[in-house]
């Protein structure tokens, strides 16, 4: 019960600190594995849930390969609002990478989420969560993917963001290989 209260306090503080719609993390507060993405997109904001829409389809495939369900894990993002810009041609919002100010503002809430959940493994999806959680500004997912990083406080398994596979089909086989490595690591160390 204490964990749920702490969680609700952090979530409420994040919402009050934001001028835009917040998509906070969701899932099992006792999860041994936490997935951390970059930021929500339009579908996530619309449904107020992380990793839905196309990202959710990729997440479902991810979970199938590593033999987990959404109920087993906790899913969140570094930035809790949708970073966007206005498309000059259409006048509509389009996604953009989060800026340094947004990352700094919301990473404290991410760290509080992780402190409450205390996972055994954090799977980072893309460069933003990897850099945020390792505090290494020069680390790249293209160099660190598919292996465990022990930062003393936490075990991190970097992966490409599932959306990267949509934009670069050449990454698909590497991504699947990394998922198999992740499944093997979970089987040997967490299950």
N, C-alpha and C. Protein backbone atom coordinates (compact mmCIF):
# COMPACT_ATOMS: atom_id res chain seq x y z
N UNK A 1 0.82 -1.20 0.00
CA UNK A 1 0.00 0.00 0.00
C UNK A 1 0.87 1.27 0.00
N UNK A 2 1.97 1.22 0.75
CA UNK A 2 2.87 2.36 0.82
C UNK A 2 3.44 2.68 -0.56
N UNK A 3 3.79 1.63 -1.31
CA UNK A 3 4.34 1.80 -2.65
C UNK A 3 3.34 2.53 -3.56
N UNK A 4 2.07 2.13 -3.50
CA UNK A 4 1.03 2.76 -4.32
C UNK A 4 0.86 4.23 -3.94
N UNK A 5 0.92 4.55 -2.63
CA UNK A 5 0.78 5.94 -2.19
C UNK A 5 1.95 6.78 -2.69
N UNK A 6 3.17 6.26 -2.54
CA UNK A 6 4.35 6.97 -3.03
C UNK A 6 4.22 7.23 -4.53
N UNK A 7 3.79 6.21 -5.25
CA UNK A 7 3.63 6.30 -6.69
C UNK A 7 2.63 7.41 -7.06
N UNK A 8 1.48 7.41 -6.40
CA UNK A 8 0.46 8.41 -6.69
C UNK A 8 0.95 9.83 -6.38
N UNK A 9 1.75 9.97 -5.35
CA UNK A 9 2.32 11.29 -5.00
C UNK A 9 3.23 11.78 -6.12
N UNK A 10 4.09 10.90 -6.62
CA UNK A 10 5.01 11.26 -7.71
C UNK A 10 4.23 11.60 -8.98
N UNK A 11 3.24 10.77 -9.29
CA UNK A 11 2.42 10.99 -10.49
C UNK A 11 1.69 12.34 -10.40
N UNK A 12 1.11 12.62 -9.27
CA UNK A 12 0.38 13.88 -9.06
C UNK A 12 1.33 15.07 -9.20
N UNK A 13 2.52 14.98 -8.62
CA UNK A 13 3.49 16.06 -8.71
C UNK A 13 3.89 16.31 -10.16
N UNK A 14 4.08 15.25 -10.92
CA UNK A 14 4.44 15.37 -12.33
C UNK A 14 3.34 16.07 -13.12
N UNK A 15 2.11 15.67 -12.88
CA UNK A 15 0.97 16.28 -13.59
C UNK A 15 0.85 17.76 -13.24
N UNK A 16 1.02 18.08 -11.94
CA UNK A 16 0.92 19.48 -11.52
C UNK A 16 2.07 20.33 -12.06
N UNK A 17 3.20 19.69 -12.34
CA UNK A 17 4.40 20.38 -12.84
C UNK A 17 4.35 20.59 -14.35
N UNK A 18 3.33 20.06 -15.01
CA UNK A 18 3.26 20.06 -16.47
C UNK A 18 2.16 20.96 -16.98
N UNK A 19 2.44 21.61 -18.09
CA UNK A 19 1.44 22.47 -18.73
C UNK A 19 0.71 21.73 -19.84
N UNK A 20 1.21 20.56 -20.19
CA UNK A 20 0.59 19.76 -21.24
C UNK A 20 0.13 18.42 -20.66
N UNK A 21 -0.61 17.68 -21.47
CA UNK A 21 -1.11 16.37 -21.04
C UNK A 21 0.06 15.43 -20.72
N UNK A 22 -0.01 14.79 -19.57
CA UNK A 22 1.03 13.88 -19.11
C UNK A 22 0.63 12.44 -19.40
N UNK A 23 1.58 11.67 -19.91
CA UNK A 23 1.41 10.22 -20.03
C UNK A 23 2.41 9.63 -19.06
N UNK A 24 1.92 9.23 -17.90
CA UNK A 24 2.79 8.67 -16.87
C UNK A 24 2.97 7.18 -17.16
N UNK A 25 3.90 6.57 -16.50
CA UNK A 25 4.13 5.14 -16.68
C UNK A 25 2.95 4.33 -16.20
N UNK A 26 2.95 3.04 -16.56
CA UNK A 26 1.89 2.15 -16.09
C UNK A 26 2.43 0.73 -16.02
N UNK A 27 1.77 -0.04 -15.18
CA UNK A 27 2.13 -1.45 -15.10
C UNK A 27 2.27 -1.91 -13.68
N UNK A 28 3.00 -2.99 -13.54
CA UNK A 28 3.18 -3.67 -12.28
C UNK A 28 4.20 -2.92 -11.41
N UNK A 29 3.76 -2.39 -10.28
CA UNK A 29 4.66 -1.64 -9.40
C UNK A 29 5.66 -2.55 -8.68
N UNK A 30 5.47 -3.86 -8.79
CA UNK A 30 6.43 -4.82 -8.25
C UNK A 30 7.22 -5.50 -9.37
N UNK A 31 7.21 -4.91 -10.54
CA UNK A 31 7.88 -5.50 -11.70
C UNK A 31 9.38 -5.65 -11.47
N UNK A 32 9.91 -6.73 -11.97
CA UNK A 32 11.35 -6.95 -11.94
C UNK A 32 12.02 -6.30 -13.14
N UNK A 33 11.18 -6.00 -14.17
CA UNK A 33 11.70 -5.42 -15.41
C UNK A 33 10.89 -4.16 -15.74
N UNK A 34 11.63 -3.09 -16.03
CA UNK A 34 11.01 -1.83 -16.44
C UNK A 34 11.52 -1.46 -17.82
N UNK A 35 10.61 -1.11 -18.72
CA UNK A 35 10.97 -0.61 -20.05
C UNK A 35 10.86 0.91 -20.03
N UNK A 36 11.90 1.57 -20.54
CA UNK A 36 11.91 3.03 -20.55
C UNK A 36 12.12 3.53 -21.98
N UNK A 37 11.14 4.25 -22.48
CA UNK A 37 11.23 4.87 -23.80
C UNK A 37 11.61 6.33 -23.69
N UNK A 38 11.49 7.02 -24.80
CA UNK A 38 11.90 8.43 -24.89
C UNK A 38 10.80 9.37 -24.42
N UNK A 39 9.65 9.32 -25.09
CA UNK A 39 8.54 10.23 -24.81
C UNK A 39 7.29 9.72 -25.51
N UNK A 40 6.12 10.10 -25.03
CA UNK A 40 4.89 9.66 -25.70
C UNK A 40 4.68 10.37 -27.03
N UNK A 41 3.93 9.71 -27.91
CA UNK A 41 3.52 10.32 -29.17
C UNK A 41 2.05 10.69 -29.11
N UNK A 42 1.47 11.01 -30.25
CA UNK A 42 0.09 11.50 -30.28
C UNK A 42 -0.91 10.45 -29.79
N UNK A 43 -0.73 9.20 -30.19
CA UNK A 43 -1.67 8.14 -29.78
C UNK A 43 -1.59 7.91 -28.27
N UNK A 44 -0.37 7.97 -27.73
CA UNK A 44 -0.19 7.80 -26.29
C UNK A 44 -0.90 8.92 -25.52
N UNK A 45 -0.78 10.14 -26.00
CA UNK A 45 -1.45 11.28 -25.35
C UNK A 45 -2.96 11.11 -25.45
N UNK A 46 -3.43 10.71 -26.61
CA UNK A 46 -4.87 10.51 -26.82
C UNK A 46 -5.43 9.46 -25.86
N UNK A 47 -4.73 8.34 -25.70
CA UNK A 47 -5.21 7.24 -24.86
C UNK A 47 -4.67 7.29 -23.43
N UNK A 48 -3.76 8.25 -23.18
CA UNK A 48 -3.16 8.43 -21.84
C UNK A 48 -2.48 7.16 -21.33
N UNK A 49 -1.81 6.46 -22.27
CA UNK A 49 -1.09 5.23 -21.94
C UNK A 49 0.21 5.19 -22.74
N UNK A 50 1.29 4.71 -22.13
CA UNK A 50 2.54 4.57 -22.88
C UNK A 50 2.51 3.37 -23.82
N UNK A 51 3.17 3.51 -24.94
CA UNK A 51 3.36 2.43 -25.91
C UNK A 51 2.05 1.82 -26.38
N UNK A 52 1.25 2.63 -27.06
CA UNK A 52 0.05 2.15 -27.73
C UNK A 52 0.18 2.54 -29.21
N UNK A 53 -0.81 2.23 -30.03
CA UNK A 53 -0.70 2.53 -31.45
C UNK A 53 0.38 1.67 -32.09
N UNK A 54 1.13 2.22 -33.04
CA UNK A 54 2.18 1.46 -33.72
C UNK A 54 3.26 1.02 -32.74
N UNK A 55 3.62 1.90 -31.82
CA UNK A 55 4.61 1.53 -30.80
C UNK A 55 4.11 0.35 -29.96
N UNK A 56 2.82 0.32 -29.72
CA UNK A 56 2.22 -0.77 -28.95
C UNK A 56 2.28 -2.09 -29.69
N UNK A 57 2.09 -2.04 -31.01
CA UNK A 57 2.20 -3.27 -31.81
C UNK A 57 3.62 -3.81 -31.74
N UNK A 58 4.59 -2.91 -31.83
CA UNK A 58 5.99 -3.33 -31.72
C UNK A 58 6.28 -3.86 -30.32
N UNK A 59 5.69 -3.24 -29.31
CA UNK A 59 5.88 -3.69 -27.94
C UNK A 59 5.31 -5.10 -27.76
N UNK A 60 4.16 -5.35 -28.35
CA UNK A 60 3.55 -6.69 -28.24
C UNK A 60 4.47 -7.75 -28.84
N UNK A 61 5.08 -7.44 -29.98
CA UNK A 61 6.03 -8.36 -30.61
C UNK A 61 7.23 -8.56 -29.69
N UNK A 62 7.72 -7.47 -29.14
CA UNK A 62 8.84 -7.49 -28.19
C UNK A 62 8.52 -8.42 -27.02
N UNK A 63 7.35 -8.24 -26.41
CA UNK A 63 6.97 -9.04 -25.25
C UNK A 63 6.83 -10.52 -25.60
N UNK A 64 6.33 -10.79 -26.81
CA UNK A 64 6.18 -12.17 -27.24
C UNK A 64 7.55 -12.86 -27.33
N UNK A 65 8.53 -12.19 -27.92
CA UNK A 65 9.86 -12.77 -28.09
C UNK A 65 10.52 -13.01 -26.73
N UNK A 66 10.39 -12.05 -25.80
CA UNK A 66 11.05 -12.21 -24.49
C UNK A 66 10.18 -12.96 -23.48
N UNK A 67 9.00 -13.42 -23.95
CA UNK A 67 8.10 -14.25 -23.15
C UNK A 67 7.65 -13.56 -21.87
N UNK A 68 7.17 -12.33 -22.04
CA UNK A 68 6.60 -11.55 -20.94
C UNK A 68 5.26 -11.01 -21.38
N UNK A 69 4.47 -10.56 -20.41
CA UNK A 69 3.21 -9.88 -20.73
C UNK A 69 3.28 -8.47 -20.16
N UNK A 70 2.38 -7.62 -20.60
CA UNK A 70 2.34 -6.25 -20.07
C UNK A 70 2.12 -6.26 -18.56
N UNK A 71 1.44 -7.28 -18.05
CA UNK A 71 1.16 -7.37 -16.62
C UNK A 71 2.42 -7.67 -15.80
N UNK A 72 3.44 -8.23 -16.46
CA UNK A 72 4.70 -8.59 -15.78
C UNK A 72 5.63 -7.39 -15.59
N UNK A 73 5.44 -6.36 -16.39
CA UNK A 73 6.43 -5.28 -16.47
C UNK A 73 5.82 -3.93 -16.12
N UNK A 74 6.68 -2.95 -16.04
CA UNK A 74 6.26 -1.56 -15.90
C UNK A 74 6.85 -0.83 -17.11
N UNK A 75 6.06 0.04 -17.71
CA UNK A 75 6.48 0.76 -18.92
C UNK A 75 6.36 2.26 -18.68
N UNK A 76 7.39 2.99 -19.05
CA UNK A 76 7.37 4.43 -18.86
C UNK A 76 8.26 5.10 -19.90
N UNK A 77 8.35 6.41 -19.82
CA UNK A 77 9.21 7.20 -20.69
C UNK A 77 10.03 8.17 -19.85
N UNK A 78 11.13 8.64 -20.42
CA UNK A 78 11.92 9.67 -19.74
C UNK A 78 11.08 10.94 -19.64
N UNK A 79 10.60 11.42 -20.78
CA UNK A 79 9.78 12.64 -20.84
C UNK A 79 8.32 12.21 -20.80
N UNK A 80 7.53 12.90 -20.01
CA UNK A 80 6.14 12.48 -19.77
C UNK A 80 5.11 13.23 -20.62
N UNK A 81 5.57 14.19 -21.41
CA UNK A 81 4.67 14.91 -22.32
C UNK A 81 5.13 14.65 -23.75
N UNK A 82 4.28 14.95 -24.71
CA UNK A 82 4.64 14.75 -26.11
C UNK A 82 5.46 15.93 -26.62
N UNK A 83 6.74 15.72 -26.91
CA UNK A 83 7.51 16.79 -27.54
C UNK A 83 7.03 16.93 -28.99
N UNK A 84 6.68 18.13 -29.38
CA UNK A 84 6.15 18.30 -30.72
C UNK A 84 6.54 19.66 -31.30
N UNK A 85 6.35 19.75 -32.58
CA UNK A 85 6.47 21.03 -33.30
C UNK A 85 5.30 21.09 -34.25
N UNK A 86 5.10 22.26 -34.84
CA UNK A 86 3.99 22.42 -35.79
C UNK A 86 4.53 22.25 -37.20
N UNK A 87 3.91 21.35 -37.95
CA UNK A 87 4.27 21.15 -39.34
C UNK A 87 3.81 22.38 -40.13
N UNK A 88 4.72 23.03 -40.81
CA UNK A 88 4.39 24.28 -41.52
C UNK A 88 3.39 24.07 -42.65
N UNK A 89 3.43 22.92 -43.29
CA UNK A 89 2.52 22.65 -44.41
C UNK A 89 1.11 22.33 -43.94
N UNK A 90 1.01 21.50 -42.88
CA UNK A 90 -0.32 21.04 -42.45
C UNK A 90 -0.86 21.83 -41.26
N UNK A 91 0.02 22.50 -40.52
CA UNK A 91 -0.41 23.21 -39.32
C UNK A 91 -0.69 22.28 -38.16
N UNK A 92 -0.34 20.99 -38.30
CA UNK A 92 -0.60 20.00 -37.26
C UNK A 92 0.65 19.72 -36.44
N UNK A 93 0.42 19.19 -35.24
CA UNK A 93 1.53 18.80 -34.38
C UNK A 93 2.20 17.55 -34.95
N UNK A 94 3.53 17.56 -34.93
CA UNK A 94 4.31 16.37 -35.29
C UNK A 94 5.33 16.13 -34.19
N UNK A 95 5.68 14.87 -33.99
CA UNK A 95 6.66 14.53 -32.96
C UNK A 95 8.03 15.10 -33.29
N UNK A 96 8.79 15.38 -32.25
CA UNK A 96 10.19 15.77 -32.38
C UNK A 96 10.92 15.17 -31.19
N UNK A 97 12.24 15.04 -31.29
CA UNK A 97 12.98 14.53 -30.13
C UNK A 97 12.85 15.50 -28.95
N UNK A 98 12.84 14.97 -27.73
CA UNK A 98 12.78 15.88 -26.57
C UNK A 98 14.07 16.70 -26.47
N UNK A 99 13.92 17.93 -25.98
CA UNK A 99 15.10 18.77 -25.82
C UNK A 99 15.70 18.57 -24.42
N UNK A 100 16.86 19.17 -24.22
CA UNK A 100 17.60 19.00 -22.96
C UNK A 100 16.76 19.45 -21.76
N UNK A 101 16.05 20.56 -21.90
CA UNK A 101 15.23 21.09 -20.81
C UNK A 101 14.12 20.12 -20.42
N UNK A 102 13.46 19.53 -21.43
CA UNK A 102 12.39 18.55 -21.17
C UNK A 102 12.95 17.29 -20.49
N UNK A 103 14.10 16.85 -20.97
CA UNK A 103 14.73 15.65 -20.38
C UNK A 103 15.09 15.92 -18.93
N UNK A 104 15.69 17.06 -18.66
CA UNK A 104 16.07 17.40 -17.28
C UNK A 104 14.84 17.52 -16.38
N UNK A 105 13.80 18.16 -16.88
CA UNK A 105 12.59 18.36 -16.08
C UNK A 105 11.94 17.04 -15.69
N UNK A 106 11.83 16.12 -16.64
CA UNK A 106 11.06 14.89 -16.40
C UNK A 106 11.90 13.71 -15.92
N UNK A 107 13.21 13.76 -16.08
CA UNK A 107 14.03 12.62 -15.65
C UNK A 107 13.95 12.42 -14.13
N UNK A 108 13.70 13.49 -13.38
CA UNK A 108 13.58 13.32 -11.92
C UNK A 108 12.36 12.46 -11.58
N UNK A 109 11.30 12.58 -12.37
CA UNK A 109 10.11 11.74 -12.12
C UNK A 109 10.39 10.29 -12.51
N UNK A 110 11.15 10.10 -13.58
CA UNK A 110 11.55 8.76 -13.97
C UNK A 110 12.37 8.11 -12.85
N UNK A 111 13.33 8.84 -12.32
CA UNK A 111 14.16 8.28 -11.25
C UNK A 111 13.33 7.95 -10.01
N UNK A 112 12.33 8.77 -9.72
CA UNK A 112 11.45 8.48 -8.59
C UNK A 112 10.61 7.23 -8.86
N UNK A 113 10.11 7.08 -10.10
CA UNK A 113 9.37 5.87 -10.47
C UNK A 113 10.25 4.64 -10.23
N UNK A 114 11.48 4.69 -10.73
CA UNK A 114 12.40 3.55 -10.60
C UNK A 114 12.74 3.27 -9.14
N UNK A 115 12.86 4.32 -8.35
CA UNK A 115 13.16 4.17 -6.93
C UNK A 115 12.01 3.47 -6.18
N UNK A 116 10.79 3.74 -6.60
CA UNK A 116 9.62 3.10 -5.99
C UNK A 116 9.53 1.63 -6.42
N UNK A 117 9.72 1.37 -7.71
CA UNK A 117 9.54 0.02 -8.25
C UNK A 117 10.72 -0.89 -7.91
N UNK A 118 11.91 -0.35 -7.96
CA UNK A 118 13.14 -1.10 -7.68
C UNK A 118 13.28 -2.35 -8.57
N UNK A 119 13.30 -2.15 -9.89
CA UNK A 119 13.41 -3.30 -10.78
C UNK A 119 14.80 -3.93 -10.73
N UNK A 120 14.87 -5.18 -11.15
CA UNK A 120 16.17 -5.85 -11.26
C UNK A 120 16.85 -5.49 -12.57
N UNK A 121 16.04 -5.13 -13.58
CA UNK A 121 16.57 -4.81 -14.90
C UNK A 121 15.77 -3.68 -15.52
N UNK A 122 16.49 -2.74 -16.12
CA UNK A 122 15.86 -1.64 -16.86
C UNK A 122 16.24 -1.81 -18.32
N UNK A 123 15.24 -1.92 -19.19
CA UNK A 123 15.47 -2.02 -20.62
C UNK A 123 15.23 -0.64 -21.21
N UNK A 124 16.30 -0.03 -21.73
CA UNK A 124 16.16 1.28 -22.35
C UNK A 124 15.88 1.11 -23.83
N UNK A 125 14.98 1.90 -24.35
CA UNK A 125 14.58 1.84 -25.74
C UNK A 125 15.00 3.13 -26.44
N UNK A 126 16.18 3.13 -27.01
CA UNK A 126 16.69 4.30 -27.71
C UNK A 126 17.75 5.04 -26.91
N UNK A 127 18.28 6.10 -27.54
CA UNK A 127 19.39 6.86 -26.96
C UNK A 127 19.00 7.71 -25.76
N UNK A 128 17.85 8.35 -25.79
CA UNK A 128 17.48 9.27 -24.70
C UNK A 128 17.44 8.56 -23.35
N UNK A 129 16.72 7.44 -23.20
CA UNK A 129 16.74 6.78 -21.90
C UNK A 129 18.11 6.20 -21.54
N UNK A 130 18.83 5.72 -22.54
CA UNK A 130 20.17 5.17 -22.28
C UNK A 130 21.09 6.24 -21.70
N UNK A 131 21.13 7.39 -22.35
CA UNK A 131 21.98 8.50 -21.88
C UNK A 131 21.51 9.02 -20.52
N UNK A 132 20.19 9.09 -20.34
CA UNK A 132 19.64 9.61 -19.08
C UNK A 132 19.99 8.70 -17.91
N UNK A 133 19.86 7.40 -18.09
CA UNK A 133 20.05 6.48 -16.98
C UNK A 133 21.50 6.07 -16.73
N UNK A 134 22.36 6.26 -17.72
CA UNK A 134 23.78 5.97 -17.49
C UNK A 134 24.54 7.25 -17.15
N UNK A 135 23.92 8.40 -17.39
CA UNK A 135 24.56 9.71 -17.20
C UNK A 135 25.80 9.84 -18.08
N UNK A 136 25.82 9.11 -19.18
CA UNK A 136 26.93 9.22 -20.14
C UNK A 136 26.38 9.88 -21.40
N UNK A 137 26.81 11.09 -21.65
CA UNK A 137 26.28 11.83 -22.79
C UNK A 137 26.81 11.32 -24.13
N UNK A 138 27.93 10.60 -24.12
CA UNK A 138 28.52 10.14 -25.37
C UNK A 138 28.17 8.69 -25.71
N UNK A 139 27.42 8.02 -24.84
CA UNK A 139 27.03 6.63 -25.11
C UNK A 139 25.97 6.61 -26.21
N UNK A 140 26.04 5.57 -27.06
CA UNK A 140 25.09 5.45 -28.16
C UNK A 140 24.50 4.04 -28.16
N UNK A 141 23.21 3.97 -28.42
CA UNK A 141 22.55 2.66 -28.47
C UNK A 141 23.14 1.81 -29.59
N UNK A 142 23.61 2.44 -30.66
CA UNK A 142 24.20 1.68 -31.77
C UNK A 142 25.46 0.94 -31.34
N UNK A 143 26.11 1.40 -30.28
CA UNK A 143 27.32 0.75 -29.78
C UNK A 143 27.04 -0.14 -28.56
N UNK A 144 26.00 0.18 -27.78
CA UNK A 144 25.75 -0.52 -26.51
C UNK A 144 24.63 -1.54 -26.56
N UNK A 145 23.87 -1.58 -27.66
CA UNK A 145 22.68 -2.45 -27.72
C UNK A 145 23.03 -3.91 -27.52
N UNK A 146 22.09 -4.63 -26.89
CA UNK A 146 22.20 -6.07 -26.79
C UNK A 146 23.13 -6.61 -25.72
N UNK A 147 23.55 -5.75 -24.80
CA UNK A 147 24.42 -6.22 -23.71
C UNK A 147 24.04 -5.50 -22.42
N UNK A 148 24.40 -6.10 -21.29
CA UNK A 148 24.03 -5.54 -19.99
C UNK A 148 25.08 -4.52 -19.55
N UNK A 149 24.59 -3.39 -19.05
CA UNK A 149 25.45 -2.37 -18.45
C UNK A 149 25.14 -2.34 -16.96
N UNK A 150 26.15 -2.55 -16.15
CA UNK A 150 25.99 -2.51 -14.70
C UNK A 150 26.50 -1.16 -14.21
N UNK A 151 25.57 -0.30 -13.74
CA UNK A 151 25.96 1.03 -13.28
C UNK A 151 26.12 1.07 -11.76
N UNK A 152 26.19 -0.08 -11.12
CA UNK A 152 26.25 -0.26 -9.67
C UNK A 152 24.88 -0.09 -9.03
N UNK A 153 24.15 0.98 -9.35
CA UNK A 153 22.80 1.13 -8.79
C UNK A 153 21.77 0.33 -9.58
N UNK A 154 22.03 0.12 -10.88
CA UNK A 154 21.02 -0.55 -11.71
C UNK A 154 21.66 -1.30 -12.87
N UNK A 155 20.95 -2.35 -13.28
CA UNK A 155 21.35 -3.13 -14.46
C UNK A 155 20.51 -2.61 -15.63
N UNK A 156 21.20 -2.26 -16.71
CA UNK A 156 20.53 -1.68 -17.87
C UNK A 156 20.82 -2.54 -19.10
N UNK A 157 19.77 -2.82 -19.87
CA UNK A 157 19.90 -3.56 -21.12
C UNK A 157 19.43 -2.63 -22.24
N UNK A 158 20.35 -2.02 -22.99
CA UNK A 158 19.95 -1.08 -24.05
C UNK A 158 19.47 -1.80 -25.31
N UNK A 159 18.40 -1.30 -25.85
CA UNK A 159 17.87 -1.77 -27.13
C UNK A 159 17.58 -0.57 -28.02
N UNK A 160 17.54 -0.83 -29.31
CA UNK A 160 17.02 0.20 -30.21
C UNK A 160 15.56 0.42 -29.85
N UNK A 161 15.07 1.61 -30.09
CA UNK A 161 13.65 1.87 -29.88
C UNK A 161 12.87 1.08 -30.93
N UNK A 162 11.75 0.45 -30.55
CA UNK A 162 10.98 -0.31 -31.54
C UNK A 162 10.62 0.51 -32.78
N UNK A 163 10.42 1.81 -32.62
CA UNK A 163 10.09 2.66 -33.76
C UNK A 163 11.24 2.74 -34.75
N UNK A 164 12.48 2.60 -34.27
CA UNK A 164 13.65 2.65 -35.16
C UNK A 164 13.56 1.55 -36.22
N UNK A 165 12.98 0.42 -35.83
CA UNK A 165 12.84 -0.70 -36.75
C UNK A 165 11.84 -0.35 -37.87
N UNK A 166 10.85 0.46 -37.55
CA UNK A 166 9.87 0.89 -38.55
C UNK A 166 10.56 1.75 -39.62
N UNK A 167 11.43 2.66 -39.16
CA UNK A 167 12.09 3.59 -40.08
C UNK A 167 13.31 2.99 -40.78
N UNK A 168 13.90 1.97 -40.18
CA UNK A 168 15.09 1.36 -40.75
C UNK A 168 14.92 -0.16 -40.69
N UNK A 169 14.38 -0.73 -41.75
CA UNK A 169 14.07 -2.17 -41.78
C UNK A 169 15.33 -3.02 -41.63
N UNK A 170 16.50 -2.47 -41.94
CA UNK A 170 17.75 -3.22 -41.79
C UNK A 170 18.03 -3.56 -40.34
N UNK A 171 17.45 -2.81 -39.41
CA UNK A 171 17.67 -3.05 -37.98
C UNK A 171 16.87 -4.24 -37.46
N UNK A 172 15.91 -4.71 -38.23
CA UNK A 172 14.99 -5.75 -37.75
C UNK A 172 15.73 -6.99 -37.25
N UNK A 173 16.67 -7.51 -38.02
CA UNK A 173 17.36 -8.73 -37.60
C UNK A 173 18.22 -8.49 -36.36
N UNK A 174 18.87 -7.34 -36.28
CA UNK A 174 19.68 -6.97 -35.10
C UNK A 174 18.77 -6.86 -33.89
N UNK A 175 17.61 -6.23 -34.08
CA UNK A 175 16.66 -6.04 -32.99
C UNK A 175 16.17 -7.39 -32.46
N UNK A 176 15.82 -8.29 -33.35
CA UNK A 176 15.35 -9.61 -32.93
C UNK A 176 16.47 -10.37 -32.21
N UNK A 177 17.69 -10.29 -32.73
CA UNK A 177 18.84 -10.93 -32.05
C UNK A 177 18.99 -10.38 -30.63
N UNK A 178 18.86 -9.06 -30.49
CA UNK A 178 18.97 -8.43 -29.17
C UNK A 178 17.86 -8.90 -28.23
N UNK A 179 16.66 -9.07 -28.78
CA UNK A 179 15.54 -9.55 -27.95
C UNK A 179 15.80 -10.97 -27.45
N UNK A 180 16.39 -11.79 -28.29
CA UNK A 180 16.73 -13.16 -27.87
C UNK A 180 17.79 -13.10 -26.76
N UNK A 181 18.78 -12.22 -26.91
CA UNK A 181 19.80 -12.05 -25.86
C UNK A 181 19.14 -11.58 -24.56
N UNK A 182 18.19 -10.67 -24.68
CA UNK A 182 17.47 -10.17 -23.51
C UNK A 182 16.70 -11.30 -22.84
N UNK A 183 15.99 -12.09 -23.64
CA UNK A 183 15.23 -13.23 -23.09
C UNK A 183 16.17 -14.19 -22.35
N UNK A 184 17.31 -14.48 -22.96
CA UNK A 184 18.28 -15.38 -22.32
C UNK A 184 18.81 -14.79 -21.02
N UNK A 185 19.05 -13.48 -21.01
CA UNK A 185 19.52 -12.83 -19.78
C UNK A 185 18.44 -12.92 -18.69
N UNK A 186 17.20 -12.64 -19.06
CA UNK A 186 16.09 -12.71 -18.09
C UNK A 186 15.95 -14.13 -17.55
N UNK A 187 16.02 -15.12 -18.46
CA UNK A 187 15.89 -16.52 -18.04
C UNK A 187 17.00 -16.91 -17.05
N UNK A 188 18.19 -16.43 -17.28
CA UNK A 188 19.33 -16.80 -16.45
C UNK A 188 19.48 -15.99 -15.17
N UNK A 189 18.87 -14.81 -15.12
CA UNK A 189 19.13 -13.90 -14.00
C UNK A 189 17.91 -13.38 -13.25
N UNK A 190 16.73 -13.46 -13.86
CA UNK A 190 15.57 -12.80 -13.24
C UNK A 190 14.41 -13.75 -13.00
N UNK A 191 14.14 -14.65 -13.93
CA UNK A 191 12.97 -15.54 -13.75
C UNK A 191 13.22 -16.55 -12.66
